[in-house]
Amino acid sequence: MKKLKVAVIGAGAMGKSHARIYSDMGNAELIAVCDKDEKAANEIAKKHNAKPFTDYKEIDEKLDAVSVCVPTKLHKGVAMFFINKGINVLIEKPITDSLQEAKKLIKAAEVKNVKLMVGHVERFNPVVTEIKKRLENNELGKVYSITANRFSPFPHRVIDVGVTTDLAVHDIDIVMHLNNAKIKRIYAETGQRIHASHEDMLNAIIKFENNVVGIISTNWLTPKKVRELYVTGEKGMFVAKYLTQELYFYKNEFAEKEFDYSKGITSIVEGDMIKIKINYKEPLLAELEEFADCIIKDKRPMVTGEDGLKVLEIASKMLESAKNSKVVFL
């Protein structure tokens, strides 16, 4: 089996994780680690038997792929450099900090015929995979709403973007992934309580053309890390806990016993709670395995540049709505 020669650009928290996983994968070989902090680059490179660099433009190894794990404002420049060299790129979310730059990356990847994948890692969380499968099997019936809560303490490492672009993009992607329908309108409220220059709190409502409502609540103000998802429909409700990879189904007993599709649901009755078995897997490992696989087998990435662009567009519409205190129609 061919081993992809890969490099990780950026030796922060995410870069360390990418390097660790690549070094353990059977179909990838970590060749280089780059960070402007020489000590950080040396430390990770030494740990994983790779070459350290402080300037990504000076990497002199032949590469098949790179992970771009630098701050968001640097995404476009770093990714474009490697795309123009014909190297496949996985870029951490969000794809860039502007729609124009994202479009340029997507176009360049098309011209150079390389894979461009965006690191929306929650797509690869086993609880999301399981919910998606069960929704496709109509186990929930008609979906009413999808609610995502994502709270964290304030991350001092993130200074170039706000909570919407850095954190809420996870849930924008998941809500759109689970409910494959066009968005009609968006309304959002934001707040800036601690962050010096950007919003650190977001509450947003998305109305889809199929009448599903998406509710996203995200902040950097909570002294406990929370990652939860609620999908409510005719037959009950799925509750997913991302961090522990737990998934529960709360039945609507009325639907189970008396449901008649010709009449529709006329009542909600609390039924059994079932814990659904989930085989634990690190989402980032699943993501990087998918990236390697799409290169080796020349297939479309699960999360494309276009997907990343759409998420960024919706995030920008949320910020627009909050700024103008108005509903934004798409």
C-alpha atoms as a PDB file:
ATOM      1  CA  MET A   1       0.000   0.000   0.000  1.00  0.00           C
ATOM      2  CA  LYS A   2       1.272   3.442  -0.909  1.00  0.00           C
ATOM      3  CA  LYS A   3       2.265   5.679   1.978  1.00  0.00           C
ATOM      4  CA  LEU A   4       1.453   9.343   1.522  1.00  0.00           C
ATOM      5  CA  LYS A   5       4.249  11.738   2.418  1.00  0.00           C
ATOM      6  CA  VAL A   6       2.637  14.452   4.540  1.00  0.00           C
ATOM      7  CA  ALA A   7       3.579  17.625   6.383  1.00  0.00           C
ATOM      8  CA  VAL A   8       1.850  19.540   9.151  1.00  0.00           C
ATOM      9  CA  ILE A   9       1.988  23.328   8.999  1.00  0.00           C
ATOM     10  CA  GLY A  10       1.397  24.848  12.425  1.00  0.00           C
ATOM     11  CA  ALA A  11       2.511  23.253  15.679  1.00  0.00           C
ATOM     12  CA  GLY A  12      -0.238  24.462  17.979  1.00  0.00           C
ATOM     13  CA  ALA A  13      -2.838  22.271  19.664  1.00  0.00           C
ATOM     14  CA  MET A  14      -4.397  21.061  16.401  1.00  0.00           C
ATOM     15  CA  GLY A  15      -1.064  20.700  14.640  1.00  0.00           C
ATOM     16  CA  LYS A  16       0.218  18.452  17.423  1.00  0.00           C
ATOM     17  CA  SER A  17      -2.831  16.224  17.057  1.00  0.00           C
ATOM     18  CA  HIS A  18      -2.474  16.017  13.274  1.00  0.00           C
ATOM     19  CA  ALA A  19       1.201  15.099  13.629  1.00  0.00           C
ATOM     20  CA  ARG A  20       0.450  12.428  16.235  1.00  0.00           C
ATOM     21  CA  ILE A  21      -2.209  10.776  14.117  1.00  0.00           C
ATOM     22  CA  TYR A  22      -0.297  10.898  10.834  1.00  0.00           C
ATOM     23  CA  SER A  23       2.703   9.286  12.515  1.00  0.00           C
ATOM     24  CA  ASP A  24       0.526   6.334  13.571  1.00  0.00           C
ATOM     25  CA  MET A  25      -1.385   5.842  10.316  1.00  0.00           C
ATOM     26  CA  GLY A  26      -0.490   2.895   8.124  1.00  0.00           C
ATOM     27  CA  ASN A  27      -0.964   4.747   4.831  1.00  0.00           C
ATOM     28  CA  ALA A  28       0.778   8.019   5.761  1.00  0.00           C
ATOM     29  CA  GLU A  29       4.300   9.057   6.684  1.00  0.00           C
ATOM     30  CA  LEU A  30       4.892  12.323   8.521  1.00  0.00           C
ATOM     31  CA  ILE A  31       7.818  13.934   6.701  1.00  0.00           C
ATOM     32  CA  ALA A  32       7.889  17.504   7.989  1.00  0.00           C
ATOM     33  CA  VAL A  33       6.545  19.766  10.738  1.00  0.00           C
ATOM     34  CA  CYS A  34       6.630  23.533  10.343  1.00  0.00           C
ATOM     35  CA  ASP A  35       6.059  26.355  12.785  1.00  0.00           C
ATOM     36  CA  LYS A  36       7.568  29.819  13.089  1.00  0.00           C
ATOM     37  CA  ASP A  37       8.345  28.873  16.684  1.00  0.00           C
ATOM     38  CA  GLU A  38      11.532  26.864  16.161  1.00  0.00           C
ATOM     39  CA  LYS A  39      11.306  25.179  19.558  1.00  0.00           C
ATOM     40  CA  ALA A  40       7.769  23.964  18.926  1.00  0.00           C
ATOM     41  CA  ALA A  41       8.638  22.673  15.449  1.00  0.00           C
ATOM     42  CA  ASN A  42      11.737  20.882  16.734  1.00  0.00           C
ATOM     43  CA  GLU A  43       9.871  19.299  19.623  1.00  0.00           C
ATOM     44  CA  ILE A  44       7.100  17.768  17.531  1.00  0.00           C
ATOM     45  CA  ALA A  45       9.388  16.797  14.652  1.00  0.00           C
ATOM     46  CA  LYS A  46      11.750  15.005  17.004  1.00  0.00           C
ATOM     47  CA  LYS A  47       8.901  13.185  18.721  1.00  0.00           C
ATOM     48  CA  HIS A  48       7.599  11.827  15.408  1.00  0.00           C
ATOM     49  CA  ASN A  49      10.879  11.389  13.530  1.00  0.00           C
ATOM     50  CA  ALA A  50      10.157  14.171  11.020  1.00  0.00           C
ATOM     51  CA  LYS A  51      12.147  17.169   9.781  1.00  0.00           C
ATOM     52  CA  PRO A  52      11.493  20.553  11.441  1.00  0.00           C
ATOM     53  CA  PHE A  53      11.066  23.821   9.532  1.00  0.00           C
ATOM     54  CA  THR A  54      10.280  27.386  10.538  1.00  0.00           C
ATOM     55  CA  ASP A  55       9.236  28.510   7.035  1.00  0.00           C
ATOM     56  CA  TYR A  56       6.817  26.329   5.058  1.00  0.00           C
ATOM     57  CA  LYS A  57       8.230  27.689   1.797  1.00  0.00           C
ATOM     58  CA  GLU A  58      11.555  26.077   2.633  1.00  0.00           C
ATOM     59  CA  ILE A  59      10.282  22.520   3.004  1.00  0.00           C
ATOM     60  CA  ASP A  60      12.490  20.607   0.593  1.00  0.00           C
ATOM     61  CA  GLU A  61      10.812  17.213   0.871  1.00  0.00           C
ATOM     62  CA  LYS A  62       8.554  15.740  -1.811  1.00  0.00           C
ATOM     63  CA  LEU A  63       5.044  15.853  -0.391  1.00  0.00           C
ATOM     64  CA  ASP A  64       1.698  14.312  -1.326  1.00  0.00           C
ATOM     65  CA  ALA A  65      -0.373  16.235   1.207  1.00  0.00           C
ATOM     66  CA  VAL A  66      -0.302  18.826   3.977  1.00  0.00           C
ATOM     67  CA  SER A  67      -2.489  19.731   6.926  1.00  0.00           C
ATOM     68  CA  VAL A  68      -2.807  23.493   7.366  1.00  0.00           C
ATOM     69  CA  CYS A  69      -3.214  24.152  11.107  1.00  0.00           C
ATOM     70  CA  VAL A  70      -2.217  27.809  11.332  1.00  0.00           C
ATOM     71  CA  PRO A  71      -4.404  30.723  12.538  1.00  0.00           C
ATOM     72  CA  THR A  72      -7.410  31.404  10.300  1.00  0.00           C
ATOM     73  CA  LYS A  73      -6.045  34.649   8.840  1.00  0.00           C
ATOM     74  CA  LEU A  74      -3.083  32.671   7.440  1.00  0.00           C
ATOM     75  CA  HIS A  75      -5.105  29.839   5.884  1.00  0.00           C
ATOM     76  CA  LYS A  76      -5.368  31.245   2.387  1.00  0.00           C
ATOM     77  CA  GLY A  77      -1.690  32.098   1.951  1.00  0.00           C
ATOM     78  CA  VAL A  78      -0.365  28.797   3.282  1.00  0.00           C
ATOM     79  CA  ALA A  79      -2.916  26.614   1.498  1.00  0.00           C
ATOM     80  CA  MET A  80      -2.496  28.445  -1.800  1.00  0.00           C
ATOM     81  CA  PHE A  81       1.271  27.930  -1.709  1.00  0.00           C
ATOM     82  CA  PHE A  82       0.892  24.148  -1.539  1.00  0.00           C
ATOM     83  CA  ILE A  83      -2.041  23.954  -3.940  1.00  0.00           C
ATOM     84  CA  ASN A  84       0.010  25.805  -6.549  1.00  0.00           C
ATOM     85  CA  LYS A  85       2.727  23.182  -6.091  1.00  0.00           C
ATOM     86  CA  GLY A  86       0.200  20.441  -6.872  1.00  0.00           C
ATOM     87  CA  ILE A  87      -0.016  19.189  -3.268  1.00  0.00           C
ATOM     88  CA  ASN A  88      -3.285  18.017  -1.690  1.00  0.00           C
ATOM     89  CA  VAL A  89      -4.453  20.172   1.224  1.00  0.00           C
ATOM     90  CA  LEU A  90      -6.517  19.587   4.340  1.00  0.00           C
ATOM     91  CA  ILE A  91      -7.239  22.959   5.863  1.00  0.00           C
ATOM     92  CA  GLU A  92      -8.527  23.302   9.406  1.00  0.00           C
ATOM     93  CA  LYS A  93     -11.918  24.957   9.791  1.00  0.00           C
ATOM     94  CA  PRO A  94     -12.941  27.559   8.886  1.00  0.00           C
ATOM     95  CA  ILE A  95     -11.686  27.335   5.323  1.00  0.00           C
ATOM     96  CA  THR A  96     -10.568  31.014   5.409  1.00  0.00           C
ATOM     97  CA  ASP A  97     -11.676  34.233   7.068  1.00  0.00           C
ATOM     98  CA  SER A  98     -13.400  35.587   3.940  1.00  0.00           C
ATOM     99  CA  LEU A  99     -15.624  34.263   1.184  1.00  0.00           C
ATOM    100  CA  GLN A 100     -13.438  35.759  -1.528  1.00  0.00           C
ATOM    101  CA  GLU A 101     -10.333  33.943  -0.292  1.00  0.00           C
ATOM    102  CA  ALA A 102     -12.232  30.673   0.043  1.00  0.00           C
ATOM    103  CA  LYS A 103     -13.413  30.925  -3.562  1.00  0.00           C
ATOM    104  CA  LYS A 104      -9.851  31.528  -4.739  1.00  0.00           C
ATOM    105  CA  LEU A 105      -8.634  28.399  -2.949  1.00  0.00           C
ATOM    106  CA  ILE A 106     -11.431  26.285  -4.412  1.00  0.00           C
ATOM    107  CA  LYS A 107     -10.709  27.549  -7.930  1.00  0.00           C
ATOM    108  CA  ALA A 108      -6.960  26.957  -7.560  1.00  0.00           C
ATOM    109  CA  ALA A 109      -7.539  23.387  -6.343  1.00  0.00           C
ATOM    110  CA  GLU A 110      -9.729  22.730  -9.391  1.00  0.00           C
ATOM    111  CA  VAL A 111      -7.110  24.133 -11.764  1.00  0.00           C
ATOM    112  CA  LYS A 112      -4.302  22.126 -10.160  1.00  0.00           C
ATOM    113  CA  ASN A 113      -6.494  19.016  -9.820  1.00  0.00           C
ATOM    114  CA  VAL A 114      -5.698  18.472  -6.155  1.00  0.00           C
ATOM    115  CA  LYS A 115      -7.898  17.559  -3.217  1.00  0.00           C
ATOM    116  CA  LEU A 116      -9.027  20.383  -0.961  1.00  0.00           C
ATOM    117  CA  MET A 117     -10.687  19.159   2.228  1.00  0.00           C
ATOM    118  CA  VAL A 118     -11.902  21.279   5.136  1.00  0.00           C
ATOM    119  CA  GLY A 119     -11.475  20.042   8.713  1.00  0.00           C
ATOM    120  CA  HIS A 120     -15.056  20.097   9.964  1.00  0.00           C
ATOM    121  CA  VAL A 121     -14.170  17.287  12.317  1.00  0.00           C
ATOM    122  CA  GLU A 122     -17.602  16.793  13.914  1.00  0.00           C
ATOM    123  CA  ARG A 123     -18.798  15.210  10.645  1.00  0.00           C
ATOM    124  CA  PHE A 124     -16.574  12.302  11.651  1.00  0.00           C
ATOM    125  CA  ASN A 125     -17.816  11.962  15.201  1.00  0.00           C
ATOM    126  CA  PRO A 126     -19.461   8.503  15.470  1.00  0.00           C
ATOM    127  CA  VAL A 127     -22.592   9.978  17.114  1.00  0.00           C
ATOM    128  CA  VAL A 128     -23.161  12.237  14.106  1.00  0.00           C
ATOM    129  CA  THR A 129     -22.537   9.363  11.692  1.00  0.00           C
ATOM    130  CA  GLU A 130     -25.090   7.251  13.559  1.00  0.00           C
ATOM    131  CA  ILE A 131     -27.736   9.987  13.652  1.00  0.00           C
ATOM    132  CA  LYS A 132     -27.283  10.659   9.933  1.00  0.00           C
ATOM    133  CA  LYS A 133     -27.773   6.964   9.167  1.00  0.00           C
ATOM    134  CA  ARG A 134     -30.904   6.735  11.318  1.00  0.00           C
ATOM    135  CA  LEU A 135     -32.412   9.879   9.796  1.00  0.00           C
ATOM    136  CA  GLU A 136     -31.852   8.444   6.324  1.00  0.00           C
ATOM    137  CA  ASN A 137     -33.644   5.286   7.514  1.00  0.00           C
ATOM    138  CA  ASN A 138     -36.592   7.491   8.593  1.00  0.00           C
ATOM    139  CA  GLU A 139     -36.296   6.357  12.215  1.00  0.00           C
ATOM    140  CA  LEU A 140     -37.370   9.790  13.450  1.00  0.00           C
ATOM    141  CA  GLY A 141     -40.097  10.416  10.896  1.00  0.00           C
ATOM    142  CA  LYS A 142     -40.528  14.072   9.994  1.00  0.00           C
ATOM    143  CA  VAL A 143     -37.793  16.178  11.593  1.00  0.00           C
ATOM    144  CA  TYR A 144     -38.974  19.275  13.459  1.00  0.00           C
ATOM    145  CA  SER A 145     -35.827  20.873  14.833  1.00  0.00           C
ATOM    146  CA  ILE A 146     -32.068  20.454  15.287  1.00  0.00           C
ATOM    147  CA  THR A 147     -30.545  22.206  18.291  1.00  0.00           C
ATOM    148  CA  ALA A 148     -26.787  22.473  18.871  1.00  0.00           C
ATOM    149  CA  ASN A 149     -25.162  23.725  22.074  1.00  0.00           C
ATOM    150  CA  ARG A 150     -21.411  24.359  22.039  1.00  0.00           C
ATOM    151  CA  PHE A 151     -19.963  26.164  25.052  1.00  0.00           C
ATOM    152  CA  SER A 152     -16.370  26.608  26.222  1.00  0.00           C
ATOM    153  CA  PRO A 153     -14.195  28.668  28.516  1.00  0.00           C
ATOM    154  CA  PHE A 154     -12.490  31.564  26.753  1.00  0.00           C
ATOM    155  CA  PRO A 155      -9.624  30.366  24.474  1.00  0.00           C
ATOM    156  CA  HIS A 156      -6.837  32.947  24.645  1.00  0.00           C
ATOM    157  CA  ARG A 157      -5.192  31.361  21.584  1.00  0.00           C
ATOM    158  CA  VAL A 158      -7.981  32.614  19.265  1.00  0.00           C
ATOM    159  CA  ILE A 159      -7.511  36.303  18.577  1.00  0.00           C
ATOM    160  CA  ASP A 160      -8.145  36.728  14.853  1.00  0.00           C
ATOM    161  CA  VAL A 161     -11.816  35.680  14.627  1.00  0.00           C
ATOM    162  CA  GLY A 162     -14.894  35.503  16.844  1.00  0.00           C
ATOM    163  CA  VAL A 163     -16.848  32.577  18.210  1.00  0.00           C
ATOM    164  CA  THR A 164     -19.121  32.407  15.160  1.00  0.00           C
ATOM    165  CA  THR A 165     -16.338  31.825  12.657  1.00  0.00           C
ATOM    166  CA  ASP A 166     -14.139  29.741  14.946  1.00  0.00           C
ATOM    167  CA  LEU A 167     -16.619  27.580  16.870  1.00  0.00           C
ATOM    168  CA  ALA A 168     -20.189  27.856  15.581  1.00  0.00           C
ATOM    169  CA  VAL A 169     -19.050  26.744  12.122  1.00  0.00           C
ATOM    170  CA  HIS A 170     -18.945  23.191  13.525  1.00  0.00           C
ATOM    171  CA  ASP A 171     -22.652  23.273  14.234  1.00  0.00           C
ATOM    172  CA  ILE A 172     -23.611  25.172  11.097  1.00  0.00           C
ATOM    173  CA  ASP A 173     -21.984  22.346   9.159  1.00  0.00           C
ATOM    174  CA  ILE A 174     -23.668  19.603  11.198  1.00  0.00           C
ATOM    175  CA  VAL A 175     -27.149  21.144  11.032  1.00  0.00           C
ATOM    176  CA  MET A 176     -26.871  21.481   7.245  1.00  0.00           C
ATOM    177  CA  HIS A 177     -25.357  17.986   6.952  1.00  0.00           C
ATOM    178  CA  LEU A 178     -28.199  16.348   8.891  1.00  0.00           C
ATOM    179  CA  ASN A 179     -30.936  18.370   7.179  1.00  0.00           C
ATOM    180  CA  ASN A 180     -30.102  18.422   3.514  1.00  0.00           C
ATOM    181  CA  ALA A 181     -32.356  21.312   2.512  1.00  0.00           C
ATOM    182  CA  LYS A 182     -31.940  24.905   1.401  1.00  0.00           C
ATOM    183  CA  ILE A 183     -31.951  27.670   4.000  1.00  0.00           C
ATOM    184  CA  LYS A 184     -34.726  30.277   3.746  1.00  0.00           C
ATOM    185  CA  ARG A 185     -33.744  32.756   6.431  1.00  0.00           C
ATOM    186  CA  ILE A 186     -31.458  33.374   9.402  1.00  0.00           C
ATOM    187  CA  TYR A 187     -31.701  35.454  12.530  1.00  0.00           C
ATOM    188  CA  ALA A 188     -28.908  35.864  15.068  1.00  0.00           C
ATOM    189  CA  GLU A 189     -27.876  37.760  18.155  1.00  0.00           C
ATOM    190  CA  THR A 190     -24.264  38.082  19.270  1.00  0.00           C
ATOM    191  CA  GLY A 191     -22.494  39.522  22.289  1.00  0.00           C
ATOM    192  CA  GLN A 192     -18.972  40.651  23.114  1.00  0.00           C
ATOM    193  CA  ARG A 193     -18.210  40.215  26.796  1.00  0.00           C
ATOM    194  CA  ILE A 194     -14.542  39.184  27.115  1.00  0.00           C
ATOM    195  CA  HIS A 195     -12.974  39.099  23.645  1.00  0.00           C
ATOM    196  CA  ALA A 196     -11.027  42.258  22.835  1.00  0.00           C
ATOM    197  CA  SER A 197     -12.187  42.601  19.243  1.00  0.00           C
ATOM    198  CA  HIS A 198     -14.790  39.970  18.295  1.00  0.00           C
ATOM    199  CA  GLU A 199     -18.045  38.423  19.472  1.00  0.00           C
ATOM    200  CA  ASP A 200     -17.774  35.643  22.036  1.00  0.00           C
ATOM    201  CA  MET A 201     -21.458  34.680  22.182  1.00  0.00           C
ATOM    202  CA  LEU A 202     -23.891  33.649  19.438  1.00  0.00           C
ATOM    203  CA  ASN A 203     -27.512  32.559  19.411  1.00  0.00           C
ATOM    204  CA  ALA A 204     -28.913  31.873  15.948  1.00  0.00           C
ATOM    205  CA  ILE A 205     -32.027  30.456  14.314  1.00  0.00           C
ATOM    206  CA  ILE A 206     -32.009  28.906  10.840  1.00  0.00           C
ATOM    207  CA  LYS A 207     -35.257  28.229   8.972  1.00  0.00           C
ATOM    208  CA  PHE A 208     -35.020  25.656   6.177  1.00  0.00           C
ATOM    209  CA  GLU A 209     -37.293  25.306   3.164  1.00  0.00           C
ATOM    210  CA  ASN A 210     -38.510  21.916   4.445  1.00  0.00           C
ATOM    211  CA  ASN A 211     -39.753  23.679   7.607  1.00  0.00           C
ATOM    212  CA  VAL A 212     -37.014  22.318   9.875  1.00  0.00           C
ATOM    213  CA  VAL A 213     -35.665  24.841  12.386  1.00  0.00           C
ATOM    214  CA  GLY A 214     -32.002  24.839  13.342  1.00  0.00           C
ATOM    215  CA  ILE A 215     -31.018  26.468  16.629  1.00  0.00           C
ATOM    216  CA  ILE A 216     -27.370  27.160  17.377  1.00  0.00           C
ATOM    217  CA  SER A 217     -26.112  28.439  20.718  1.00  0.00           C
ATOM    218  CA  THR A 218     -22.374  28.970  21.062  1.00  0.00           C
ATOM    219  CA  ASN A 219     -20.145  30.872  23.453  1.00  0.00           C
ATOM    220  CA  TRP A 220     -16.690  31.221  24.994  1.00  0.00           C
ATOM    221  CA  LEU A 221     -18.177  32.299  28.324  1.00  0.00           C
ATOM    222  CA  THR A 222     -19.076  29.026  30.008  1.00  0.00           C
ATOM    223  CA  PRO A 223     -16.725  27.531  32.632  1.00  0.00           C
ATOM    224  CA  LYS A 224     -17.561  24.030  31.397  1.00  0.00           C
ATOM    225  CA  LYS A 225     -17.023  22.530  27.962  1.00  0.00           C
ATOM    226  CA  VAL A 226     -20.378  21.494  26.472  1.00  0.00           C
ATOM    227  CA  ARG A 227     -20.921  19.801  23.101  1.00  0.00           C
ATOM    228  CA  GLU A 228     -24.498  18.576  22.657  1.00  0.00           C
ATOM    229  CA  LEU A 229     -26.927  17.993  19.825  1.00  0.00           C
ATOM    230  CA  TYR A 230     -30.719  17.482  19.928  1.00  0.00           C
ATOM    231  CA  VAL A 231     -32.699  16.269  16.914  1.00  0.00           C
ATOM    232  CA  THR A 232     -36.459  16.290  17.485  1.00  0.00           C
ATOM    233  CA  GLY A 233     -39.048  14.723  15.201  1.00  0.00           C
ATOM    234  CA  GLU A 234     -42.346  12.866  14.979  1.00  0.00           C
ATOM    235  CA  LYS A 235     -41.161   9.666  16.612  1.00  0.00           C
ATOM    236  CA  GLY A 236     -39.008  11.145  19.355  1.00  0.00           C
ATOM    237  CA  MET A 237     -35.698  12.854  19.958  1.00  0.00           C
ATOM    238  CA  PHE A 238     -32.026  11.972  19.509  1.00  0.00           C
ATOM    239  CA  VAL A 239     -29.639  13.439  22.082  1.00  0.00           C
ATOM    240  CA  ALA A 240     -25.934  13.273  21.273  1.00  0.00           C
ATOM    241  CA  LYS A 241     -23.013  14.129  23.529  1.00  0.00           C
ATOM    242  CA  TYR A 242     -19.998  14.727  21.332  1.00  0.00           C
ATOM    243  CA  LEU A 243     -17.316  14.616  24.014  1.00  0.00           C
ATOM    244  CA  THR A 244     -18.270  11.234  25.458  1.00  0.00           C
ATOM    245  CA  GLN A 245     -19.743   9.895  22.194  1.00  0.00           C
ATOM    246  CA  GLU A 246     -23.010   8.976  23.879  1.00  0.00           C
ATOM    247  CA  LEU A 247     -26.238   8.793  21.911  1.00  0.00           C
ATOM    248  CA  TYR A 248     -29.752   8.446  23.334  1.00  0.00           C
ATOM    249  CA  PHE A 249     -33.165   8.081  21.733  1.00  0.00           C
ATOM    250  CA  TYR A 250     -36.210   9.350  23.642  1.00  0.00           C
ATOM    251  CA  LYS A 251     -39.321   7.776  22.175  1.00  0.00           C
ATOM    252  CA  ASN A 252     -42.627   9.477  21.506  1.00  0.00           C
ATOM    253  CA  GLU A 253     -44.817   6.618  22.726  1.00  0.00           C
ATOM    254  CA  PHE A 254     -47.883   8.016  20.961  1.00  0.00           C
ATOM    255  CA  ALA A 255     -46.147   7.752  17.580  1.00  0.00           C
ATOM    256  CA  GLU A 256     -44.936   4.239  18.316  1.00  0.00           C
ATOM    257  CA  LYS A 257     -48.370   2.925  19.275  1.00  0.00           C
ATOM    258  CA  GLU A 258     -50.872   4.957  17.293  1.00  0.00           C
ATOM    259  CA  PHE A 259     -48.999   6.710  14.503  1.00  0.00           C
ATOM    260  CA  ASP A 260     -50.973   7.042  11.273  1.00  0.00           C
ATOM    261  CA  TYR A 261     -49.090   8.828   8.492  1.00  0.00           C
ATOM    262  CA  SER A 262     -52.349   9.777   6.801  1.00  0.00           C
ATOM    263  CA  LYS A 263     -53.403  11.775   9.872  1.00  0.00           C
ATOM    264  CA  GLY A 264     -50.056  12.912  11.236  1.00  0.00           C
ATOM    265  CA  ILE A 265     -48.947  13.263  14.842  1.00  0.00           C
ATOM    266  CA  THR A 266     -51.657  14.580  17.144  1.00  0.00           C
ATOM    267  CA  SER A 267     -49.988  14.049  20.507  1.00  0.00           C
ATOM    268  CA  ILE A 268     -46.643  13.633  22.260  1.00  0.00           C
ATOM    269  CA  VAL A 269     -46.315  11.026  25.004  1.00  0.00           C
ATOM    270  CA  GLU A 270     -43.087  10.383  26.895  1.00  0.00           C
ATOM    271  CA  GLY A 271     -41.820   6.892  26.169  1.00  0.00           C
ATOM    272  CA  ASP A 272     -38.716   4.821  26.779  1.00  0.00           C
ATOM    273  CA  MET A 273     -35.175   6.170  26.671  1.00  0.00           C
ATOM    274  CA  ILE A 274     -32.773   3.953  24.743  1.00  0.00           C
ATOM    275  CA  LYS A 275     -28.997   4.299  24.860  1.00  0.00           C
ATOM    276  CA  ILE A 276     -27.641   3.524  21.404  1.00  0.00           C
ATOM    277  CA  LYS A 277     -24.360   1.625  21.263  1.00  0.00           C
ATOM    278  CA  ILE A 278     -21.566   3.665  19.720  1.00  0.00           C
ATOM    279  CA  ASN A 279     -18.145   2.287  18.844  1.00  0.00           C
ATOM    280  CA  TYR A 280     -15.758   4.974  20.049  1.00  0.00           C
ATOM    281  CA  LYS A 281     -13.345   6.457  17.520  1.00  0.00           C
ATOM    282  CA  GLU A 282     -11.331   9.657  17.637  1.00  0.00           C
ATOM    283  CA  PRO A 283     -13.028  11.976  15.109  1.00  0.00           C
ATOM    284  CA  LEU A 284      -9.743  13.506  13.943  1.00  0.00           C
ATOM    285  CA  LEU A 285      -8.369  10.047  13.188  1.00  0.00           C
ATOM    286  CA  ALA A 286     -11.457   9.288  11.094  1.00  0.00           C
ATOM    287  CA  GLU A 287     -11.058  12.639   9.329  1.00  0.00           C
ATOM    288  CA  LEU A 288      -7.402  12.121   8.440  1.00  0.00           C
ATOM    289  CA  GLU A 289      -8.083   8.557   7.318  1.00  0.00           C
ATOM    290  CA  GLU A 290     -10.756   9.935   4.993  1.00  0.00           C
ATOM    291  CA  PHE A 291      -8.332  12.568   3.676  1.00  0.00           C
ATOM    292  CA  ALA A 292      -5.684   9.952   2.927  1.00  0.00           C
ATOM    293  CA  ASP A 293      -8.229   7.609   1.393  1.00  0.00           C
ATOM    294  CA  CYS A 294      -9.655  10.230  -0.958  1.00  0.00           C
ATOM    295  CA  ILE A 295      -6.133  10.978  -2.235  1.00  0.00           C
ATOM    296  CA  ILE A 296      -5.103   7.347  -2.678  1.00  0.00           C
ATOM    297  CA  LYS A 297      -8.409   6.329  -4.316  1.00  0.00           C
ATOM    298  CA  ASP A 298      -8.891   9.658  -6.133  1.00  0.00           C
ATOM    299  CA  LYS A 299     -12.366  10.258  -4.738  1.00  0.00           C
ATOM    300  CA  ARG A 300     -14.279  13.323  -3.607  1.00  0.00           C
ATOM    301  CA  PRO A 301     -13.582  14.372   0.017  1.00  0.00           C
ATOM    302  CA  MET A 302     -16.423  14.039   2.497  1.00  0.00           C
ATOM    303  CA  VAL A 303     -16.053  17.737   3.373  1.00  0.00           C
ATOM    304  CA  THR A 304     -15.148  19.688   0.247  1.00  0.00           C
ATOM    305  CA  GLY A 305     -13.939  23.226  -0.234  1.00  0.00           C
ATOM    306  CA  GLU A 306     -17.466  24.068  -1.411  1.00  0.00           C
ATOM    307  CA  ASP A 307     -18.846  22.719   1.871  1.00  0.00           C
ATOM    308  CA  GLY A 308     -16.428  24.912   3.793  1.00  0.00           C
ATOM    309  CA  LEU A 309     -17.423  27.918   1.678  1.00  0.00           C
ATOM    310  CA  LYS A 310     -21.133  27.345   2.339  1.00  0.00           C
ATOM    311  CA  VAL A 311     -20.547  27.123   6.093  1.00  0.00           C
ATOM    312  CA  LEU A 312     -18.529  30.346   6.013  1.00  0.00           C
ATOM    313  CA  GLU A 313     -21.293  32.038   4.021  1.00  0.00           C
ATOM    314  CA  ILE A 314     -23.919  31.096   6.618  1.00  0.00           C
ATOM    315  CA  ALA A 315     -21.629  32.251   9.440  1.00  0.00           C
ATOM    316  CA  SER A 316     -21.217  35.606   7.688  1.00  0.00           C
ATOM    317  CA  LYS A 317     -25.010  35.898   7.306  1.00  0.00           C
ATOM    318  CA  MET A 318     -25.396  35.300  11.042  1.00  0.00           C
ATOM    319  CA  LEU A 319     -22.959  38.111  11.783  1.00  0.00           C
ATOM    320  CA  GLU A 320     -24.777  40.335   9.294  1.00  0.00           C
ATOM    321  CA  SER A 321     -28.103  39.582  10.980  1.00  0.00           C
ATOM    322  CA  ALA A 322     -26.718  40.344  14.423  1.00  0.00           C
ATOM    323  CA  LYS A 323     -25.065  43.560  13.282  1.00  0.00           C
ATOM    324  CA  ASN A 324     -28.223  44.911  11.653  1.00  0.00           C
ATOM    325  CA  SER A 325     -30.761  43.350  14.065  1.00  0.00           C
ATOM    326  CA  LYS A 326     -32.631  41.961  11.087  1.00  0.00           C
ATOM    327  CA  VAL A 327     -33.647  38.638   9.597  1.00  0.00           C
ATOM    328  CA  VAL A 328     -31.435  37.744   6.612  1.00  0.00           C
ATOM    329  CA  PHE A 329     -33.190  36.028   3.705  1.00  0.00           C
ATOM    330  CA  LEU A 330     -31.233  33.751   1.382  1.00  0.00           C
END
